[in-house]
C-alpha cells in the first residue's frame, strides 16, 4: 500500500529570484521523484502562509525523506513534510484502540 504525504513549501530567496522557472523546476522534480520511486500526485502554487503544496505517494517514509533531502540541496524551497492517512487507514488505526 502506498503512503501519502503533504509537503508544505516556501520559496527561498534563491527560489524567488528564479520564480519564472518554477514550472520547469516542477517538471524536473516530478522526474526526480519518479526515479526515486515517489509519485507526485499534485503540485499546487498557493496564496497564504505557504507558496507550494505537494501531494506525494510513496512506498516508504525513507523514499520521501531521500527525495526531500535531494530537493533541499537545490536551494529553491524550504519544506515541511506531513505524513497523511486516508479515511480507511485512520479507521484501521482507531479500531485498534
N, C-alpha and C. Protein backbone atom coordinates (compact mmCIF):
# COMPACT_ATOMS: atom_id res chain seq x y z
N UNK A 1 0.84 -1.19 0.00
CA UNK A 1 0.00 0.00 0.00
C UNK A 1 0.89 1.25 0.00
N UNK A 2 0.49 2.19 -0.79
CA UNK A 2 1.25 3.44 -0.87
C UNK A 2 0.89 4.35 0.29
N UNK A 3 1.88 5.08 0.75
CA UNK A 3 1.70 6.05 1.83
C UNK A 3 1.56 7.43 1.19
N UNK A 4 0.76 8.29 1.82
CA UNK A 4 0.51 9.64 1.30
C UNK A 4 1.25 10.68 2.13
N UNK A 5 1.68 11.73 1.46
CA UNK A 5 2.41 12.82 2.11
C UNK A 5 1.93 14.15 1.57
N UNK A 6 1.86 15.12 2.45
CA UNK A 6 1.57 16.51 2.08
C UNK A 6 2.83 17.29 2.41
N UNK A 7 3.37 17.97 1.43
CA UNK A 7 4.57 18.77 1.62
C UNK A 7 4.18 20.24 1.52
N UNK A 8 4.47 21.00 2.57
CA UNK A 8 4.25 22.44 2.57
C UNK A 8 5.59 23.11 2.30
N UNK A 9 5.63 23.99 1.33
CA UNK A 9 6.91 24.56 0.92
C UNK A 9 6.83 26.07 0.75
N UNK A 10 7.96 26.69 0.99
CA UNK A 10 8.13 28.12 0.76
C UNK A 10 9.35 28.36 -0.09
N UNK A 11 9.24 29.33 -0.98
CA UNK A 11 10.40 29.71 -1.79
C UNK A 11 11.46 30.33 -0.89
N UNK A 12 12.70 30.01 -1.16
CA UNK A 12 13.83 30.69 -0.53
C UNK A 12 14.10 31.96 -1.36
N UNK A 13 15.05 32.76 -0.91
CA UNK A 13 15.44 33.94 -1.70
C UNK A 13 15.90 33.50 -3.09
N UNK A 14 16.66 32.42 -3.15
CA UNK A 14 17.13 31.89 -4.44
C UNK A 14 15.94 31.48 -5.30
N UNK A 15 14.96 30.81 -4.69
CA UNK A 15 13.78 30.36 -5.42
C UNK A 15 12.97 31.53 -5.97
N UNK A 16 12.85 32.60 -5.18
CA UNK A 16 12.13 33.78 -5.65
C UNK A 16 12.86 34.47 -6.80
N UNK A 17 14.19 34.52 -6.72
CA UNK A 17 14.95 35.17 -7.80
C UNK A 17 14.71 34.47 -9.14
N UNK A 18 14.46 33.17 -9.09
CA UNK A 18 14.23 32.40 -10.32
C UNK A 18 12.79 31.91 -10.42
N UNK A 19 11.85 32.67 -9.90
CA UNK A 19 10.45 32.23 -9.85
C UNK A 19 9.88 31.96 -11.25
N UNK A 20 10.41 32.61 -12.26
CA UNK A 20 9.93 32.38 -13.62
C UNK A 20 10.20 30.94 -14.07
N UNK A 21 11.14 30.26 -13.42
CA UNK A 21 11.48 28.88 -13.77
C UNK A 21 10.70 27.85 -12.96
N UNK A 22 9.75 28.29 -12.14
CA UNK A 22 9.08 27.36 -11.23
C UNK A 22 8.36 26.23 -11.96
N UNK A 23 7.77 26.50 -13.10
CA UNK A 23 7.12 25.44 -13.87
C UNK A 23 8.11 24.39 -14.35
N UNK A 24 9.24 24.85 -14.84
CA UNK A 24 10.30 23.92 -15.28
C UNK A 24 10.84 23.12 -14.11
N UNK A 25 11.02 23.80 -12.96
CA UNK A 25 11.52 23.10 -11.77
C UNK A 25 10.53 22.03 -11.32
N UNK A 26 9.25 22.29 -11.48
CA UNK A 26 8.23 21.30 -11.11
C UNK A 26 8.38 20.05 -11.97
N UNK A 27 8.62 20.22 -13.25
CA UNK A 27 8.80 19.07 -14.14
C UNK A 27 10.07 18.29 -13.77
N UNK A 28 11.13 18.99 -13.45
CA UNK A 28 12.37 18.34 -13.01
C UNK A 28 12.12 17.56 -11.72
N UNK A 29 11.35 18.16 -10.80
CA UNK A 29 11.03 17.50 -9.55
C UNK A 29 10.22 16.23 -9.80
N UNK A 30 9.23 16.29 -10.68
CA UNK A 30 8.43 15.10 -10.99
C UNK A 30 9.33 13.96 -11.50
N UNK A 31 10.25 14.29 -12.38
CA UNK A 31 11.16 13.30 -12.93
C UNK A 31 12.08 12.73 -11.84
N UNK A 32 12.62 13.61 -11.01
CA UNK A 32 13.49 13.20 -9.91
C UNK A 32 12.73 12.27 -8.97
N UNK A 33 11.49 12.62 -8.64
CA UNK A 33 10.68 11.81 -7.74
C UNK A 33 10.43 10.43 -8.34
N UNK A 34 10.07 10.40 -9.60
CA UNK A 34 9.79 9.13 -10.26
C UNK A 34 11.01 8.21 -10.21
N UNK A 35 12.19 8.77 -10.48
CA UNK A 35 13.42 7.97 -10.43
C UNK A 35 13.70 7.43 -9.04
N UNK A 36 13.18 8.11 -8.01
CA UNK A 36 13.41 7.70 -6.63
C UNK A 36 12.25 6.86 -6.08
N UNK A 37 11.28 6.52 -6.94
CA UNK A 37 10.17 5.67 -6.53
C UNK A 37 9.03 6.38 -5.84
N UNK A 38 8.94 7.70 -6.04
CA UNK A 38 7.88 8.51 -5.43
C UNK A 38 7.00 9.07 -6.54
N UNK A 39 5.69 9.03 -6.33
CA UNK A 39 4.74 9.58 -7.30
C UNK A 39 4.27 10.95 -6.84
N UNK A 40 4.38 11.94 -7.71
CA UNK A 40 3.86 13.28 -7.44
C UNK A 40 2.43 13.29 -7.94
N UNK A 41 1.47 13.34 -7.02
CA UNK A 41 0.06 13.33 -7.38
C UNK A 41 -0.40 14.71 -7.82
N UNK A 42 0.04 15.74 -7.12
CA UNK A 42 -0.34 17.12 -7.44
C UNK A 42 0.71 18.10 -6.94
N UNK A 43 0.81 19.20 -7.63
CA UNK A 43 1.60 20.35 -7.18
C UNK A 43 0.67 21.55 -7.28
N UNK A 44 0.52 22.25 -6.17
CA UNK A 44 -0.31 23.45 -6.14
C UNK A 44 0.54 24.64 -5.72
N UNK A 45 0.43 25.75 -6.45
CA UNK A 45 1.03 27.01 -6.02
C UNK A 45 -0.07 27.74 -5.27
N UNK A 46 0.24 28.21 -4.07
CA UNK A 46 -0.82 28.69 -3.18
C UNK A 46 -0.58 30.12 -2.71
N UNK A 47 -1.65 30.71 -2.23
CA UNK A 47 -1.60 32.02 -1.58
C UNK A 47 -1.64 31.78 -0.08
N UNK A 48 -1.03 32.65 0.69
CA UNK A 48 -1.07 32.50 2.14
C UNK A 48 0.28 32.13 2.71
N UNK A 49 0.26 31.37 3.77
CA UNK A 49 1.48 31.06 4.52
C UNK A 49 2.49 30.25 3.72
N UNK A 50 2.01 29.38 2.83
CA UNK A 50 2.90 28.54 2.03
C UNK A 50 2.78 28.91 0.56
N UNK A 51 3.89 28.76 -0.15
CA UNK A 51 3.92 29.09 -1.58
C UNK A 51 3.55 27.91 -2.46
N UNK A 52 3.85 26.71 -1.98
CA UNK A 52 3.63 25.50 -2.77
C UNK A 52 3.15 24.38 -1.84
N UNK A 53 2.22 23.57 -2.34
CA UNK A 53 1.80 22.36 -1.63
C UNK A 53 1.96 21.20 -2.60
N UNK A 54 2.65 20.17 -2.15
CA UNK A 54 2.88 18.97 -2.96
C UNK A 54 2.12 17.81 -2.33
N UNK A 55 1.51 16.98 -3.16
CA UNK A 55 0.86 15.77 -2.69
C UNK A 55 1.63 14.60 -3.32
N UNK A 56 2.18 13.74 -2.46
CA UNK A 56 3.02 12.63 -2.92
C UNK A 56 2.47 11.30 -2.45
N UNK A 57 2.84 10.24 -3.17
CA UNK A 57 2.61 8.86 -2.75
C UNK A 57 3.94 8.13 -2.85
N UNK A 58 4.22 7.30 -1.85
CA UNK A 58 5.47 6.57 -1.85
C UNK A 58 5.32 5.28 -1.05
N UNK A 59 6.17 4.31 -1.32
CA UNK A 59 6.09 3.05 -0.58
C UNK A 59 6.69 3.13 0.83
N UNK A 60 7.44 4.20 1.12
CA UNK A 60 8.05 4.29 2.46
C UNK A 60 8.42 5.72 2.81
N UNK A 61 8.53 5.95 4.12
CA UNK A 61 8.99 7.26 4.61
C UNK A 61 10.40 7.55 4.11
N UNK A 62 11.22 6.51 4.03
CA UNK A 62 12.61 6.69 3.62
C UNK A 62 12.72 7.24 2.20
N UNK A 63 11.85 6.76 1.31
CA UNK A 63 11.87 7.28 -0.08
C UNK A 63 11.57 8.77 -0.11
N UNK A 64 10.57 9.18 0.66
CA UNK A 64 10.19 10.60 0.68
C UNK A 64 11.28 11.42 1.37
N UNK A 65 11.84 10.90 2.46
CA UNK A 65 12.92 11.62 3.15
C UNK A 65 14.09 11.85 2.21
N UNK A 66 14.47 10.83 1.45
CA UNK A 66 15.56 10.98 0.49
C UNK A 66 15.25 12.01 -0.58
N UNK A 67 14.02 11.98 -1.09
CA UNK A 67 13.60 12.95 -2.10
C UNK A 67 13.63 14.36 -1.54
N UNK A 68 13.14 14.55 -0.33
CA UNK A 68 13.12 15.89 0.26
C UNK A 68 14.53 16.39 0.54
N UNK A 69 15.43 15.49 0.93
CA UNK A 69 16.83 15.91 1.12
C UNK A 69 17.44 16.35 -0.20
N UNK A 70 17.18 15.56 -1.25
CA UNK A 70 17.70 15.93 -2.57
C UNK A 70 17.12 17.26 -3.04
N UNK A 71 15.82 17.46 -2.84
CA UNK A 71 15.18 18.72 -3.20
C UNK A 71 15.82 19.88 -2.42
N UNK A 72 16.07 19.66 -1.14
CA UNK A 72 16.66 20.70 -0.31
C UNK A 72 18.03 21.15 -0.79
N UNK A 73 18.80 20.22 -1.38
CA UNK A 73 20.13 20.59 -1.86
C UNK A 73 20.09 21.57 -3.03
N UNK A 74 18.93 21.66 -3.71
CA UNK A 74 18.81 22.59 -4.83
C UNK A 74 18.66 24.04 -4.37
N UNK A 75 18.19 24.22 -3.14
CA UNK A 75 18.16 25.54 -2.53
C UNK A 75 17.02 26.46 -2.91
N UNK A 76 16.00 25.95 -3.61
CA UNK A 76 14.89 26.82 -4.04
C UNK A 76 13.71 26.85 -3.07
N UNK A 77 13.59 25.82 -2.24
CA UNK A 77 12.45 25.71 -1.33
C UNK A 77 12.89 25.25 0.06
N UNK A 78 12.14 25.66 1.05
CA UNK A 78 12.22 25.03 2.36
C UNK A 78 10.92 24.24 2.49
N UNK A 79 10.97 23.09 3.14
CA UNK A 79 9.79 22.23 3.17
C UNK A 79 9.47 21.73 4.57
N UNK A 80 8.21 21.37 4.73
CA UNK A 80 7.73 20.68 5.91
C UNK A 80 6.92 19.49 5.40
N UNK A 81 7.30 18.29 5.83
CA UNK A 81 6.65 17.07 5.35
C UNK A 81 5.65 16.56 6.37
N UNK A 82 4.44 16.27 5.90
CA UNK A 82 3.38 15.73 6.74
C UNK A 82 2.99 14.35 6.22
N UNK A 83 3.02 13.35 7.08
CA UNK A 83 2.53 12.01 6.72
C UNK A 83 1.02 12.08 6.80
N UNK A 84 0.34 11.66 5.75
CA UNK A 84 -1.12 11.76 5.70
C UNK A 84 -1.74 10.36 5.72
N UNK A 85 -2.90 10.26 6.35
CA UNK A 85 -3.62 8.99 6.44
C UNK A 85 -4.96 9.12 5.72
N UNK A 86 -5.31 8.10 4.95
CA UNK A 86 -6.62 8.08 4.31
C UNK A 86 -7.67 7.76 5.37
N UNK A 87 -8.93 7.93 5.01
CA UNK A 87 -10.02 7.60 5.93
C UNK A 87 -9.95 6.12 6.33
N UNK A 88 -9.68 5.28 5.36
CA UNK A 88 -9.57 3.84 5.63
C UNK A 88 -8.43 3.55 6.61
N UNK A 89 -7.29 4.19 6.40
CA UNK A 89 -6.14 3.97 7.28
C UNK A 89 -6.42 4.46 8.70
N UNK A 90 -7.05 5.60 8.83
CA UNK A 90 -7.31 6.13 10.18
C UNK A 90 -8.36 5.27 10.88
N UNK A 91 -9.34 4.77 10.15
CA UNK A 91 -10.33 3.88 10.75
C UNK A 91 -9.67 2.59 11.25
N UNK A 92 -8.72 2.08 10.49
CA UNK A 92 -7.99 0.88 10.90
C UNK A 92 -7.19 1.15 12.17
N UNK A 93 -6.55 2.30 12.25
CA UNK A 93 -5.81 2.67 13.47
C UNK A 93 -6.73 2.81 14.67
N UNK A 94 -7.86 3.46 14.46
CA UNK A 94 -8.81 3.69 15.55
C UNK A 94 -9.38 2.37 16.06
N UNK A 95 -9.60 1.44 15.16
CA UNK A 95 -10.19 0.15 15.55
C UNK A 95 -9.28 -0.62 16.50
N UNK A 96 -8.01 -0.28 16.53
CA UNK A 96 -7.04 -0.97 17.39
C UNK A 96 -6.92 -0.34 18.78
N UNK A 97 -7.65 0.74 19.03
CA UNK A 97 -7.58 1.41 20.33
C UNK A 97 -8.30 0.62 21.40
